[in-house]
Amino acid sequence: MAKCKVCRAPFDRRSMTHKCCSPECAIEYARKERENRERKEIAARKLAIKRRSEWLKDAEAAFNAYIRARDKDRPCISCGRFHTGSYDAGHYRSVGAAQHLRFNEDNVHKQCCQCNQHKSGNAIEYRIGLVARIGIERVERLETNNEIKKWSIEEAKAIKAEYKAKLKEIIDTQ
């Protein structure tokens, strides 16, 4: 006895290719299969025309999620307090000012929305917290790093995959 792929009722197969118990279920099964195939084709077409900026946004979203999980038990780097609200992955040197430090883990830490968004990053307090957390040498290295970097689509894909894996590792160890 096999189960119908649509209504889950048991039925006797006449051959190995029969997946449904009746012609009505077979029509419904064929419709669902066609919809699934079309959905996959649309997703593949969207992926093919995805721009570099969209890949970078996806990579940054994965990176930021990792930063928030990494610093989950730490206070806001700027004000040093725990808040009940949401947190951002705040950049010490902003993406606009230092594109090449966008995915640098020393440059990005958990920051409360108040400091990051309403106080424009609260840069002076951020630097004090950053020196305490990673040391003056690494902070000065960030401040003097002015190289030019343009991320490729392949690099963005690799960064996204890397930080998704790191986030999964953090979640699995909790």
N, C-alpha and C. Protein backbone atom coordinates (compact mmCIF):
# COMPACT_ATOMS: atom_id res chain seq x y z
N MET A 1 0.83 -1.19 0.00
CA MET A 1 0.00 0.00 0.00
C MET A 1 0.88 1.25 0.00
N ALA A 2 0.51 2.20 -0.82
CA ALA A 2 1.20 3.49 -0.89
C ALA A 2 0.23 4.57 -0.44
N LYS A 3 0.77 5.73 -0.09
CA LYS A 3 -0.08 6.85 0.30
C LYS A 3 -0.12 7.85 -0.85
N CYS A 4 -1.30 8.39 -1.08
CA CYS A 4 -1.49 9.39 -2.11
C CYS A 4 -0.71 10.65 -1.74
N LYS A 5 -0.01 11.24 -2.70
CA LYS A 5 0.80 12.44 -2.46
C LYS A 5 -0.06 13.67 -2.17
N VAL A 6 -1.35 13.63 -2.48
CA VAL A 6 -2.22 14.79 -2.28
C VAL A 6 -3.11 14.60 -1.04
N CYS A 7 -3.91 13.55 -1.02
CA CYS A 7 -4.87 13.38 0.07
C CYS A 7 -4.38 12.44 1.17
N ARG A 8 -3.23 11.82 0.97
CA ARG A 8 -2.59 10.92 1.93
C ARG A 8 -3.39 9.64 2.21
N ALA A 9 -4.38 9.36 1.37
CA ALA A 9 -5.17 8.14 1.53
C ALA A 9 -4.37 6.95 1.00
N PRO A 10 -4.48 5.80 1.63
CA PRO A 10 -3.78 4.61 1.13
C PRO A 10 -4.43 4.12 -0.18
N PHE A 11 -3.60 3.62 -1.09
CA PHE A 11 -4.12 3.08 -2.34
C PHE A 11 -3.14 2.06 -2.89
N ASP A 12 -3.63 1.20 -3.77
CA ASP A 12 -2.80 0.18 -4.42
C ASP A 12 -2.23 0.77 -5.70
N ARG A 13 -0.91 0.74 -5.82
CA ARG A 13 -0.25 1.25 -7.02
C ARG A 13 -0.39 0.23 -8.14
N ARG A 14 -0.62 0.75 -9.35
CA ARG A 14 -0.64 -0.13 -10.52
C ARG A 14 0.76 -0.24 -11.11
N SER A 15 1.60 0.79 -10.82
CA SER A 15 3.00 0.76 -11.22
C SER A 15 3.78 1.68 -10.29
N MET A 16 5.09 1.69 -10.44
CA MET A 16 5.94 2.50 -9.56
C MET A 16 5.78 4.00 -9.81
N THR A 17 5.22 4.37 -10.95
CA THR A 17 5.10 5.78 -11.27
C THR A 17 3.82 6.40 -10.72
N HIS A 18 2.90 5.62 -10.26
CA HIS A 18 1.66 6.18 -9.71
C HIS A 18 1.93 6.79 -8.35
N LYS A 19 1.56 8.05 -8.22
CA LYS A 19 1.78 8.76 -6.98
C LYS A 19 0.48 9.17 -6.31
N CYS A 20 -0.63 9.06 -7.05
CA CYS A 20 -1.91 9.53 -6.55
C CYS A 20 -2.98 8.45 -6.68
N CYS A 21 -4.01 8.59 -5.83
CA CYS A 21 -5.05 7.57 -5.77
C CYS A 21 -6.14 7.73 -6.83
N SER A 22 -6.30 8.95 -7.37
CA SER A 22 -7.38 9.18 -8.32
C SER A 22 -6.94 10.20 -9.37
N PRO A 23 -7.72 10.31 -10.46
CA PRO A 23 -7.39 11.32 -11.46
C PRO A 23 -7.46 12.75 -10.91
N GLU A 24 -8.40 13.01 -10.00
CA GLU A 24 -8.52 14.34 -9.39
C GLU A 24 -7.26 14.69 -8.60
N CYS A 25 -6.78 13.72 -7.81
CA CYS A 25 -5.56 13.95 -7.03
C CYS A 25 -4.35 14.09 -7.96
N ALA A 26 -4.34 13.34 -9.06
CA ALA A 26 -3.23 13.43 -10.01
C ALA A 26 -3.18 14.82 -10.66
N ILE A 27 -4.35 15.39 -10.97
CA ILE A 27 -4.40 16.73 -11.55
C ILE A 27 -3.88 17.76 -10.53
N GLU A 28 -4.32 17.63 -9.28
CA GLU A 28 -3.86 18.54 -8.22
C GLU A 28 -2.36 18.39 -8.01
N TYR A 29 -1.86 17.17 -8.02
CA TYR A 29 -0.42 16.91 -7.85
C TYR A 29 0.38 17.54 -8.99
N ALA A 30 -0.10 17.40 -10.21
CA ALA A 30 0.58 17.98 -11.37
C ALA A 30 0.59 19.51 -11.28
N ARG A 31 -0.51 20.10 -10.82
CA ARG A 31 -0.59 21.56 -10.67
C ARG A 31 0.44 22.04 -9.64
N LYS A 32 0.53 21.36 -8.51
CA LYS A 32 1.49 21.74 -7.47
C LYS A 32 2.93 21.58 -7.95
N GLU A 33 3.20 20.52 -8.67
CA GLU A 33 4.55 20.30 -9.21
C GLU A 33 4.93 21.39 -10.20
N ARG A 34 3.98 21.79 -11.07
CA ARG A 34 4.23 22.86 -12.02
C ARG A 34 4.49 24.18 -11.30
N GLU A 35 3.70 24.48 -10.25
CA GLU A 35 3.91 25.71 -9.47
C GLU A 35 5.29 25.71 -8.81
N ASN A 36 5.69 24.58 -8.26
CA ASN A 36 7.01 24.47 -7.63
C ASN A 36 8.12 24.68 -8.64
N ARG A 37 7.99 24.08 -9.81
CA ARG A 37 8.99 24.23 -10.87
C ARG A 37 9.08 25.69 -11.32
N GLU A 38 7.91 26.35 -11.50
CA GLU A 38 7.89 27.75 -11.90
C GLU A 38 8.51 28.64 -10.82
N ARG A 39 8.22 28.35 -9.55
CA ARG A 39 8.78 29.13 -8.45
C ARG A 39 10.30 29.02 -8.43
N LYS A 40 10.81 27.82 -8.67
CA LYS A 40 12.26 27.62 -8.71
C LYS A 40 12.89 28.35 -9.89
N GLU A 41 12.22 28.33 -11.04
CA GLU A 41 12.74 29.04 -12.21
C GLU A 41 12.78 30.54 -11.98
N ILE A 42 11.74 31.09 -11.34
CA ILE A 42 11.71 32.52 -11.04
C ILE A 42 12.83 32.88 -10.07
N ALA A 43 13.02 32.05 -9.05
CA ALA A 43 14.08 32.30 -8.07
C ALA A 43 15.45 32.26 -8.76
N ALA A 44 15.64 31.33 -9.67
CA ALA A 44 16.92 31.24 -10.39
C ALA A 44 17.13 32.47 -11.28
N ARG A 45 16.07 32.95 -11.93
CA ARG A 45 16.19 34.15 -12.76
C ARG A 45 16.50 35.38 -11.91
N LYS A 46 15.85 35.50 -10.75
CA LYS A 46 16.12 36.63 -9.85
C LYS A 46 17.56 36.60 -9.37
N LEU A 47 18.04 35.41 -9.06
CA LEU A 47 19.41 35.26 -8.60
C LEU A 47 20.40 35.65 -9.69
N ALA A 48 20.06 35.34 -10.93
CA ALA A 48 20.95 35.64 -12.05
C ALA A 48 21.08 37.14 -12.30
N ILE A 49 20.05 37.92 -11.98
CA ILE A 49 20.11 39.36 -12.25
C ILE A 49 20.40 40.18 -10.99
N LYS A 50 20.69 39.51 -9.90
CA LYS A 50 20.97 40.20 -8.64
C LYS A 50 22.25 41.02 -8.78
N ARG A 51 22.19 42.28 -8.37
CA ARG A 51 23.32 43.19 -8.50
C ARG A 51 24.31 43.01 -7.35
N ARG A 52 25.50 43.53 -7.55
CA ARG A 52 26.56 43.44 -6.54
C ARG A 52 26.13 44.10 -5.23
N SER A 53 25.46 45.22 -5.32
CA SER A 53 25.01 45.92 -4.11
C SER A 53 24.03 45.07 -3.30
N GLU A 54 23.21 44.30 -3.99
CA GLU A 54 22.27 43.42 -3.29
C GLU A 54 23.00 42.27 -2.61
N TRP A 55 24.04 41.74 -3.27
CA TRP A 55 24.85 40.69 -2.64
C TRP A 55 25.56 41.24 -1.41
N LEU A 56 26.05 42.48 -1.49
CA LEU A 56 26.71 43.09 -0.34
C LEU A 56 25.75 43.31 0.81
N LYS A 57 24.52 43.69 0.51
CA LYS A 57 23.51 43.85 1.57
C LYS A 57 23.23 42.52 2.25
N ASP A 58 23.13 41.46 1.47
CA ASP A 58 22.92 40.13 2.05
C ASP A 58 24.10 39.71 2.92
N ALA A 59 25.30 39.97 2.44
CA ALA A 59 26.50 39.63 3.21
C ALA A 59 26.56 40.43 4.49
N GLU A 60 26.22 41.73 4.40
CA GLU A 60 26.25 42.56 5.59
C GLU A 60 25.18 42.14 6.60
N ALA A 61 24.03 41.71 6.13
CA ALA A 61 22.98 41.23 7.03
C ALA A 61 23.46 40.00 7.81
N ALA A 62 24.12 39.07 7.11
CA ALA A 62 24.66 37.88 7.78
C ALA A 62 25.77 38.26 8.76
N PHE A 63 26.64 39.18 8.35
CA PHE A 63 27.73 39.65 9.20
C PHE A 63 27.18 40.33 10.45
N ASN A 64 26.19 41.22 10.29
CA ASN A 64 25.61 41.92 11.42
C ASN A 64 24.90 40.98 12.38
N ALA A 65 24.22 39.98 11.86
CA ALA A 65 23.57 38.99 12.73
C ALA A 65 24.61 38.25 13.56
N TYR A 66 25.73 37.92 12.94
CA TYR A 66 26.82 37.26 13.68
C TYR A 66 27.35 38.18 14.77
N ILE A 67 27.58 39.45 14.48
CA ILE A 67 28.12 40.40 15.46
C ILE A 67 27.17 40.51 16.65
N ARG A 68 25.87 40.63 16.39
CA ARG A 68 24.91 40.73 17.50
C ARG A 68 24.91 39.47 18.35
N ALA A 69 25.05 38.30 17.71
CA ALA A 69 25.10 37.05 18.47
C ALA A 69 26.43 36.93 19.23
N ARG A 70 27.53 37.33 18.60
CA ARG A 70 28.85 37.27 19.24
C ARG A 70 28.89 38.12 20.51
N ASP A 71 28.30 39.31 20.45
CA ASP A 71 28.33 40.26 21.56
C ASP A 71 27.06 40.21 22.42
N LYS A 72 26.30 39.16 22.30
CA LYS A 72 25.01 39.04 22.97
C LYS A 72 25.07 39.32 24.46
N ASP A 73 26.09 38.83 25.13
CA ASP A 73 26.20 38.98 26.58
C ASP A 73 26.98 40.22 26.99
N ARG A 74 27.36 41.05 26.04
CA ARG A 74 28.11 42.27 26.34
C ARG A 74 27.19 43.47 26.28
N PRO A 75 27.54 44.54 27.01
CA PRO A 75 26.73 45.76 26.94
C PRO A 75 27.03 46.53 25.65
N CYS A 76 26.28 47.59 25.44
CA CYS A 76 26.53 48.49 24.30
C CYS A 76 27.95 49.00 24.40
N ILE A 77 28.67 48.98 23.30
CA ILE A 77 30.08 49.40 23.31
C ILE A 77 30.23 50.89 23.60
N SER A 78 29.23 51.69 23.31
CA SER A 78 29.33 53.14 23.51
C SER A 78 28.93 53.57 24.93
N CYS A 79 27.73 53.19 25.34
CA CYS A 79 27.23 53.67 26.63
C CYS A 79 27.48 52.68 27.77
N GLY A 80 27.84 51.44 27.44
CA GLY A 80 28.16 50.45 28.47
C GLY A 80 26.97 49.93 29.24
N ARG A 81 25.78 50.15 28.72
CA ARG A 81 24.58 49.69 29.43
C ARG A 81 23.88 48.59 28.64
N PHE A 82 23.11 47.78 29.38
CA PHE A 82 22.22 46.81 28.75
C PHE A 82 20.86 47.48 28.63
N HIS A 83 20.22 47.34 27.49
CA HIS A 83 18.91 47.93 27.26
C HIS A 83 17.91 46.82 26.97
N THR A 84 16.65 47.15 27.13
CA THR A 84 15.61 46.18 26.79
C THR A 84 15.25 46.26 25.32
N GLY A 85 15.66 47.31 24.65
CA GLY A 85 15.34 47.49 23.24
C GLY A 85 16.23 46.66 22.33
N SER A 86 16.19 47.00 21.06
CA SER A 86 16.97 46.24 20.08
C SER A 86 18.38 46.82 19.97
N TYR A 87 19.25 46.02 19.37
CA TYR A 87 20.65 46.41 19.19
C TYR A 87 21.01 46.36 17.72
N ASP A 88 21.98 47.20 17.36
CA ASP A 88 22.52 47.21 16.01
C ASP A 88 23.94 46.66 16.05
N ALA A 89 24.47 46.36 14.89
CA ALA A 89 25.89 46.07 14.75
C ALA A 89 26.51 47.39 14.31
N GLY A 90 27.01 48.15 15.27
CA GLY A 90 27.50 49.50 15.00
C GLY A 90 28.94 49.49 14.52
N HIS A 91 29.21 50.23 13.46
CA HIS A 91 30.55 50.35 12.91
C HIS A 91 31.28 51.52 13.56
N TYR A 92 32.50 51.31 14.00
CA TYR A 92 33.32 52.40 14.54
C TYR A 92 33.62 53.39 13.41
N ARG A 93 34.20 52.89 12.33
CA ARG A 93 34.36 53.69 11.11
C ARG A 93 33.24 53.25 10.18
N SER A 94 32.38 54.17 9.82
CA SER A 94 31.18 53.84 9.06
C SER A 94 31.50 53.24 7.69
N VAL A 95 30.52 52.56 7.15
CA VAL A 95 30.67 51.96 5.81
C VAL A 95 30.88 53.05 4.77
N GLY A 96 30.22 54.18 4.94
CA GLY A 96 30.39 55.29 4.00
C GLY A 96 31.79 55.88 4.04
N ALA A 97 32.38 55.92 5.24
CA ALA A 97 33.71 56.51 5.38
C ALA A 97 34.83 55.51 5.12
N ALA A 98 34.58 54.24 5.41
CA ALA A 98 35.63 53.22 5.28
C ALA A 98 35.00 51.93 4.77
N GLN A 99 34.68 51.91 3.50
CA GLN A 99 34.04 50.75 2.86
C GLN A 99 34.84 49.46 3.08
N HIS A 100 36.14 49.56 3.09
CA HIS A 100 37.01 48.39 3.21
C HIS A 100 36.94 47.75 4.60
N LEU A 101 36.40 48.46 5.60
CA LEU A 101 36.27 47.91 6.95
C LEU A 101 34.85 47.41 7.25
N ARG A 102 34.04 47.34 6.24
CA ARG A 102 32.64 46.92 6.38
C ARG A 102 32.51 45.57 7.08
N PHE A 103 33.39 44.62 6.76
CA PHE A 103 33.31 43.27 7.32
C PHE A 103 34.47 42.97 8.28
N ASN A 104 35.06 44.00 8.86
CA ASN A 104 36.15 43.83 9.81
C ASN A 104 35.56 43.67 11.21
N GLU A 105 35.80 42.53 11.85
CA GLU A 105 35.19 42.25 13.15
C GLU A 105 35.67 43.20 14.24
N ASP A 106 36.87 43.76 14.13
CA ASP A 106 37.33 44.74 15.10
C ASP A 106 36.58 46.06 14.96
N ASN A 107 36.08 46.36 13.79
CA ASN A 107 35.42 47.62 13.50
C ASN A 107 33.93 47.61 13.87
N VAL A 108 33.35 46.45 14.14
CA VAL A 108 31.91 46.34 14.34
C VAL A 108 31.62 45.64 15.66
N HIS A 109 30.77 46.27 16.46
CA HIS A 109 30.40 45.71 17.76
C HIS A 109 28.93 46.01 18.04
N LYS A 110 28.39 45.29 19.02
CA LYS A 110 26.99 45.50 19.41
C LYS A 110 26.84 46.90 19.99
N GLN A 111 25.83 47.61 19.48
CA GLN A 111 25.60 48.98 19.91
C GLN A 111 24.09 49.19 20.00
N CYS A 112 23.66 49.84 21.06
CA CYS A 112 22.22 50.07 21.20
C CYS A 112 21.75 51.03 20.11
N CYS A 113 20.49 50.93 19.75
CA CYS A 113 19.93 51.77 18.69
C CYS A 113 20.02 53.25 19.06
N GLN A 114 19.86 53.55 20.34
CA GLN A 114 19.94 54.94 20.79
C GLN A 114 21.31 55.54 20.42
N CYS A 115 22.38 54.84 20.75
CA CYS A 115 23.73 55.35 20.45
C CYS A 115 24.02 55.34 18.95
N ASN A 116 23.65 54.26 18.28
CA ASN A 116 24.00 54.10 16.87
C ASN A 116 23.20 55.03 15.96
N GLN A 117 21.90 55.09 16.18
CA GLN A 117 21.05 55.83 15.26
C GLN A 117 20.77 57.27 15.71
N HIS A 118 20.51 57.46 17.00
CA HIS A 118 20.10 58.78 17.47
C HIS A 118 21.28 59.66 17.87
N LYS A 119 22.41 59.04 18.16
CA LYS A 119 23.60 59.82 18.53
C LYS A 119 24.70 59.68 17.47
N SER A 120 24.32 59.31 16.28
CA SER A 120 25.24 59.18 15.13
C SER A 120 26.45 58.31 15.45
N GLY A 121 26.22 57.21 16.12
CA GLY A 121 27.29 56.27 16.43
C GLY A 121 27.98 56.54 17.75
N ASN A 122 27.72 57.70 18.38
CA ASN A 122 28.32 58.04 19.67
C ASN A 122 29.82 57.75 19.62
N ALA A 123 30.51 58.34 18.65
CA ALA A 123 31.88 57.98 18.28
C ALA A 123 32.91 58.12 19.40
N ILE A 124 32.80 59.16 20.20
CA ILE A 124 33.80 59.36 21.27
C ILE A 124 33.70 58.24 22.30
N GLU A 125 32.47 57.95 22.74
CA GLU A 125 32.27 56.87 23.72
C GLU A 125 32.57 55.51 23.08
N TYR A 126 32.27 55.37 21.78
CA TYR A 126 32.57 54.13 21.07
C TYR A 126 34.07 53.86 21.13
N ARG A 127 34.87 54.89 20.86
CA ARG A 127 36.33 54.72 20.86
C ARG A 127 36.83 54.30 22.24
N ILE A 128 36.29 54.91 23.29
CA ILE A 128 36.70 54.56 24.65
C ILE A 128 36.37 53.09 24.93
N GLY A 129 35.17 52.67 24.57
CA GLY A 129 34.77 51.27 24.75
C GLY A 129 35.58 50.33 23.89
N LEU A 130 35.92 50.77 22.68
CA LEU A 130 36.70 49.95 21.76
C LEU A 130 38.13 49.74 22.26
N VAL A 131 38.74 50.79 22.79
CA VAL A 131 40.09 50.68 23.36
C VAL A 131 40.08 49.70 24.52
N ALA A 132 39.05 49.77 25.36
CA ALA A 132 38.94 48.86 26.50
C ALA A 132 38.74 47.41 26.03
N ARG A 133 38.05 47.24 24.91
CA ARG A 133 37.73 45.89 24.45
C ARG A 133 38.84 45.25 23.63
N ILE A 134 39.45 46.00 22.70
CA ILE A 134 40.44 45.36 21.80
C ILE A 134 41.84 45.93 21.93
N GLY A 135 42.01 47.01 22.67
CA GLY A 135 43.35 47.57 22.86
C GLY A 135 43.64 48.72 21.91
N ILE A 136 44.52 49.60 22.35
CA ILE A 136 44.83 50.82 21.60
C ILE A 136 45.53 50.52 20.27
N GLU A 137 46.38 49.49 20.22
CA GLU A 137 47.09 49.18 18.97
C GLU A 137 46.13 48.82 17.85
N ARG A 138 45.15 47.97 18.17
CA ARG A 138 44.19 47.56 17.14
C ARG A 138 43.27 48.71 16.74
N VAL A 139 42.93 49.57 17.69
CA VAL A 139 42.10 50.74 17.37
C VAL A 139 42.86 51.67 16.44
N GLU A 140 44.12 51.91 16.74
CA GLU A 140 44.93 52.79 15.87
C GLU A 140 45.12 52.17 14.49
N ARG A 141 45.21 50.86 14.43
CA ARG A 141 45.32 50.19 13.13
C ARG A 141 44.04 50.43 12.32
N LEU A 142 42.88 50.39 12.97
CA LEU A 142 41.62 50.70 12.28
C LEU A 142 41.60 52.15 11.79
N GLU A 143 42.05 53.05 12.65
CA GLU A 143 41.99 54.47 12.33
C GLU A 143 42.94 54.86 11.20
N THR A 144 44.04 54.15 11.05
CA THR A 144 45.01 54.49 10.01
C THR A 144 44.86 53.66 8.75
N ASN A 145 43.95 52.70 8.75
CA ASN A 145 43.73 51.83 7.59
C ASN A 145 42.88 52.59 6.58
N ASN A 146 43.47 52.97 5.47
CA ASN A 146 42.76 53.72 4.43
C ASN A 146 42.89 53.07 3.06
N GLU A 147 43.06 51.78 3.04
CA GLU A 147 43.17 51.09 1.75
C GLU A 147 41.84 51.17 1.00
N ILE A 148 41.90 50.92 -0.27
CA ILE A 148 40.71 50.95 -1.10
C ILE A 148 40.33 49.51 -1.41
N LYS A 149 39.05 49.20 -1.22
CA LYS A 149 38.59 47.83 -1.46
C LYS A 149 37.22 47.88 -2.12
N LYS A 150 37.06 47.15 -3.19
CA LYS A 150 35.77 47.01 -3.85
C LYS A 150 35.44 45.52 -3.84
N TRP A 151 34.42 45.17 -3.09
CA TRP A 151 34.04 43.77 -2.93
C TRP A 151 33.39 43.24 -4.21
N SER A 152 33.77 42.04 -4.61
CA SER A 152 33.16 41.41 -5.79
C SER A 152 31.95 40.59 -5.34
N ILE A 153 31.17 40.15 -6.29
CA ILE A 153 30.00 39.32 -5.99
C ILE A 153 30.45 38.01 -5.35
N GLU A 154 31.52 37.42 -5.87
CA GLU A 154 32.01 36.15 -5.32
C GLU A 154 32.47 36.34 -3.87
N GLU A 155 33.15 37.46 -3.59
CA GLU A 155 33.59 37.74 -2.22
C GLU A 155 32.39 37.94 -1.29
N ALA A 156 31.36 38.64 -1.78
CA ALA A 156 30.15 38.85 -0.98
C ALA A 156 29.46 37.53 -0.67
N LYS A 157 29.40 36.64 -1.67
CA LYS A 157 28.81 35.32 -1.44
C LYS A 157 29.60 34.53 -0.39
N ALA A 158 30.93 34.59 -0.49
CA ALA A 158 31.79 33.88 0.46
C ALA A 158 31.65 34.45 1.86
N ILE A 159 31.57 35.76 1.98
CA ILE A 159 31.41 36.40 3.28
C ILE A 159 30.07 36.01 3.89
N LYS A 160 29.04 36.03 3.09
CA LYS A 160 27.71 35.65 3.58
C LYS A 160 27.72 34.21 4.10
N ALA A 161 28.31 33.31 3.33
CA ALA A 161 28.37 31.90 3.74
C ALA A 161 29.20 31.74 5.01
N GLU A 162 30.33 32.44 5.08
CA GLU A 162 31.21 32.34 6.25
C GLU A 162 30.50 32.79 7.52
N TYR A 163 29.81 33.92 7.47
CA TYR A 163 29.18 34.44 8.68
C TYR A 163 27.89 33.72 9.02
N LYS A 164 27.23 33.15 8.04
CA LYS A 164 26.08 32.28 8.36
C LYS A 164 26.56 31.05 9.12
N ALA A 165 27.69 30.49 8.69
CA ALA A 165 28.25 29.32 9.37
C ALA A 165 28.72 29.68 10.78
N LYS A 166 29.35 30.84 10.94
CA LYS A 166 29.80 31.27 12.26
C LYS A 166 28.61 31.50 13.19
N LEU A 167 27.54 32.09 12.66
CA LEU A 167 26.34 32.32 13.45
C LEU A 167 25.71 30.99 13.87
N LYS A 168 25.66 30.05 12.96
CA LYS A 168 25.11 28.72 13.27
C LYS A 168 25.92 28.05 14.35
N GLU A 169 27.25 28.20 14.29
CA GLU A 169 28.13 27.63 15.30
C GLU A 169 27.84 28.24 16.69
N ILE A 170 27.63 29.55 16.73
CA ILE A 170 27.31 30.21 18.01
C ILE A 170 25.98 29.70 18.54
N ILE A 171 25.00 29.61 17.67
CA ILE A 171 23.67 29.16 18.08
C ILE A 171 23.70 27.71 18.56
N ASP A 172 24.48 26.88 17.87
CA ASP A 172 24.58 25.47 18.26
C ASP A 172 25.27 25.26 19.59
N THR A 173 26.18 26.16 19.98
CA THR A 173 26.92 26.00 21.23
C THR A 173 26.15 26.56 22.43
N GLN A 174 25.04 27.21 22.18
CA GLN A 174 24.27 27.78 23.30
C GLN A 174 23.37 26.76 23.94
